[in-house]
Amino acid sequence: MDCEKLNTELSQLPLLQYEFFKPEELIFSEHVRYICQTECPMYNTTWACPPAVGSVEDCKRKCLSFPKALLITTITEIEDIANMEQALATRPQHEAITHQVETLLREQNCETYVLSTEACAICPQCAYPNAPCRHPDRMYPCVESHGIIVTDLAEKYGIDFLAGPNLVTWFSILFFREM
């Protein structure tokens, strides 16, 4: 893998910050999954969310099967941080950048497993649970669906996830291995 080329390409994207790290640094928690189950309306409605992604232990095993990971963040300013609809409207731009980063890794001959934001929004209606995912190559499960405490990782690398009063910070984690 050409790390210098990858860093150059990453630096040209509108990323707030990116950090390479070892998957063993992640903290997985059943509590994060419990929050998904009890507070998120997407629970049990999509292939990108629990329980479809598997148990936290299954998710941890999959993530730790990759030797390397890359945390990326983007930031967007909105008029009113309390307006969830406005905040969520900025998500597609982050997903597009996540896809660009995955493409860069694949161009470096890497196998990837990507976690991103919220639930997948590719299809107007997810095929879950009656049929397989229509776009498994583009569907990124949610970071939190895997029980990952992303705030711990952000703090470890000095990423201010509460960057300002009307700023939305989005996170993705790309696990990869050279083939």
Protein backbone atom coordinates (compact mmCIF):
# COMPACT_ATOMS: atom_id res chain seq x y z
CA MET A 1 0.00 0.00 0.00
CA ASP A 2 1.25 3.44 -0.90
CA CYS A 3 0.61 5.30 2.39
CA GLU A 4 2.05 8.56 1.09
CA LYS A 5 -0.33 8.55 -1.90
CA LEU A 6 -3.28 7.67 0.32
CA ASN A 7 -2.48 10.48 2.77
CA THR A 8 -2.18 12.94 -0.12
CA GLU A 9 -5.56 11.85 -1.50
CA LEU A 10 -7.20 12.00 1.94
CA SER A 11 -5.82 15.49 2.56
CA GLN A 12 -7.59 16.69 -0.59
CA LEU A 13 -11.03 15.62 0.66
CA PRO A 14 -13.24 17.85 2.82
CA LEU A 15 -12.46 15.90 5.99
CA LEU A 16 -12.35 17.59 9.36
CA GLN A 17 -9.86 15.00 10.52
CA TYR A 18 -8.78 11.46 9.84
CA GLU A 19 -6.78 9.04 11.93
CA PHE A 20 -5.39 5.59 11.25
CA PHE A 21 -5.64 3.29 14.25
CA LYS A 22 -5.66 -0.35 15.29
CA PRO A 23 -9.11 -1.90 15.70
CA GLU A 24 -8.02 -3.24 19.13
CA GLU A 25 -8.23 0.36 20.37
CA LEU A 26 -12.02 0.34 20.04
CA ILE A 27 -14.29 -0.08 23.01
CA PHE A 28 -17.40 -2.16 22.33
CA SER A 29 -20.34 -1.86 24.69
CA GLU A 30 -23.66 -3.63 25.10
CA HIS A 31 -24.92 -0.33 26.54
CA VAL A 32 -24.56 1.38 23.15
CA ARG A 33 -26.63 -1.44 21.63
CA TYR A 34 -29.22 -1.04 24.39
CA ILE A 35 -29.58 2.63 23.42
CA CYS A 36 -30.15 1.54 19.80
CA GLN A 37 -32.81 -0.89 20.92
CA THR A 38 -34.66 1.44 23.28
CA GLU A 39 -34.23 4.89 21.71
CA CYS A 40 -33.65 4.59 17.98
CA PRO A 41 -36.67 4.30 15.67
CA MET A 42 -34.52 2.44 13.12
CA TYR A 43 -33.96 -0.57 15.40
CA ASN A 44 -35.18 -3.77 13.72
CA THR A 45 -36.14 -1.94 10.50
CA THR A 46 -33.00 -2.08 8.30
CA TRP A 47 -30.03 -4.28 7.40
CA ALA A 48 -27.71 -1.51 8.67
CA CYS A 49 -29.02 -1.67 12.23
CA PRO A 50 -29.48 -4.19 15.01
CA PRO A 51 -30.49 -6.90 15.25
CA ALA A 52 -29.70 -7.47 11.53
CA VAL A 53 -26.00 -6.61 11.99
CA GLY A 54 -25.60 -9.43 14.55
CA SER A 55 -24.77 -9.38 18.22
CA VAL A 56 -22.24 -6.92 19.62
CA GLU A 57 -19.87 -9.87 20.03
CA ASP A 58 -20.33 -10.82 16.34
CA CYS A 59 -19.75 -7.21 15.30
CA LYS A 60 -16.65 -6.97 17.48
CA ARG A 61 -15.27 -10.18 16.00
CA LYS A 62 -15.81 -8.86 12.45
CA CYS A 63 -14.20 -5.48 13.19
CA LEU A 64 -11.22 -7.05 14.94
CA SER A 65 -10.69 -9.42 12.00
CA PHE A 66 -9.23 -6.43 10.13
CA PRO A 67 -5.68 -5.35 11.03
CA LYS A 68 -6.15 -1.63 10.32
CA ALA A 69 -8.82 1.02 10.59
CA LEU A 70 -9.35 4.61 9.56
CA LEU A 71 -11.59 7.07 11.40
CA ILE A 72 -12.86 9.94 9.26
CA THR A 73 -14.93 12.93 10.30
CA THR A 74 -16.70 15.67 8.43
CA ILE A 75 -18.35 18.77 9.80
CA THR A 76 -21.25 20.82 8.53
CA GLU A 77 -22.72 24.06 9.80
CA ILE A 78 -26.49 24.34 10.02
CA GLU A 79 -28.83 27.10 11.18
CA ASP A 80 -30.35 25.27 14.15
CA ILE A 81 -28.68 22.27 15.79
CA ALA A 82 -31.98 21.42 17.50
CA ASN A 83 -33.60 20.89 14.10
CA MET A 84 -33.03 17.16 13.54
CA GLU A 85 -34.38 17.27 9.99
CA GLN A 86 -31.89 19.98 9.09
CA ALA A 87 -29.04 18.08 10.74
CA LEU A 88 -29.90 14.81 8.99
CA ALA A 89 -30.09 16.61 5.63
CA THR A 90 -26.30 17.05 5.82
CA ARG A 91 -25.71 13.31 6.11
CA PRO A 92 -25.66 12.44 2.37
CA GLN A 93 -22.56 14.59 1.85
CA HIS A 94 -20.75 12.66 4.59
CA GLU A 95 -21.86 9.34 3.11
CA ALA A 96 -20.53 10.41 -0.31
CA ILE A 97 -17.16 11.27 1.23
CA THR A 98 -17.14 7.95 3.10
CA HIS A 99 -17.71 6.20 -0.23
CA GLN A 100 -14.83 8.20 -1.78
CA VAL A 101 -12.50 7.11 1.03
CA GLU A 102 -13.57 3.49 0.62
CA THR A 103 -12.83 3.78 -3.11
CA LEU A 104 -9.34 5.14 -2.32
CA LEU A 105 -8.67 2.15 -0.07
CA ARG A 106 -9.94 -0.29 -2.70
CA GLU A 107 -7.72 1.38 -5.30
CA GLN A 108 -4.87 0.54 -2.93
CA ASN A 109 -5.93 -3.12 -3.25
CA CYS A 110 -7.58 -3.27 0.18
CA GLU A 111 -10.56 -5.26 1.33
CA THR A 112 -12.85 -2.98 3.36
CA TYR A 113 -15.62 -3.10 5.92
CA VAL A 114 -17.23 0.30 6.44
CA LEU A 115 -19.33 1.66 9.29
CA SER A 116 -20.92 5.05 9.00
CA THR A 117 -23.78 7.21 10.20
CA GLU A 118 -27.28 6.44 11.36
CA ALA A 119 -29.18 3.81 9.39
CA CYS A 120 -28.70 3.18 5.70
CA ALA A 121 -30.79 5.52 3.53
CA ILE A 122 -30.06 4.18 0.05
CA CYS A 123 -33.51 2.67 -0.51
CA PRO A 124 -36.78 4.44 0.25
CA GLN A 125 -37.90 1.20 1.94
CA CYS A 126 -35.37 -1.33 3.21
CA ALA A 127 -35.90 -4.95 2.16
CA TYR A 128 -35.30 -6.04 5.76
CA PRO A 129 -36.37 -8.59 6.99
CA ASN A 130 -38.17 -10.12 4.00
CA ALA A 131 -35.39 -10.03 1.43
CA PRO A 132 -31.61 -9.54 1.27
CA CYS A 133 -30.10 -6.07 1.12
CA ARG A 134 -30.42 -4.68 -2.42
CA HIS A 135 -27.09 -2.81 -2.21
CA PRO A 136 -24.71 -4.72 0.09
CA ASP A 137 -21.72 -3.08 -1.63
CA ARG A 138 -22.99 0.42 -0.75
CA MET A 139 -24.78 -0.19 2.54
CA TYR A 140 -22.74 0.90 5.53
CA PRO A 141 -23.97 -0.24 8.94
CA CYS A 142 -24.09 2.37 11.65
CA VAL A 143 -20.99 2.72 13.89
CA GLU A 144 -23.14 2.59 17.02
CA SER A 145 -25.00 -0.50 15.75
CA HIS A 146 -21.77 -2.39 16.41
CA GLY A 147 -21.65 -1.21 20.02
CA ILE A 148 -18.65 1.03 19.36
CA ILE A 149 -18.17 3.98 21.69
CA VAL A 150 -17.10 6.46 19.02
CA THR A 151 -16.74 9.31 21.52
CA ASP A 152 -13.92 7.39 23.22
CA LEU A 153 -12.06 7.16 19.93
CA ALA A 154 -12.71 10.83 19.18
CA GLU A 155 -11.36 11.87 22.58
CA LYS A 156 -8.31 9.63 22.15
CA TYR A 157 -7.42 11.43 18.92
CA GLY A 158 -8.45 14.94 19.95
CA ILE A 159 -11.49 15.16 17.70
CA ASP A 160 -13.98 17.66 19.06
CA PHE A 161 -17.30 15.96 18.39
CA LEU A 162 -19.14 18.93 19.90
CA ALA A 163 -17.32 21.46 17.75
CA GLY A 164 -19.76 24.34 18.08
CA PRO A 165 -23.35 25.37 18.66
CA ASN A 166 -24.58 24.76 15.10
CA LEU A 167 -22.04 22.25 13.83
CA VAL A 168 -22.84 18.64 12.99
CA THR A 169 -19.90 16.24 13.19
CA TRP A 170 -20.25 12.96 11.31
CA PHE A 171 -18.05 9.89 11.86
CA SER A 172 -17.21 6.83 9.78
CA ILE A 173 -14.83 3.97 10.47
CA LEU A 174 -13.28 2.07 7.60
CA PHE A 175 -11.68 -1.25 8.51
CA PHE A 176 -9.26 -2.59 5.92
CA ARG A 177 -6.65 -5.14 5.02
CA GLU A 178 -4.23 -5.26 2.15
CA MET A 179 -4.93 -8.09 -0.25
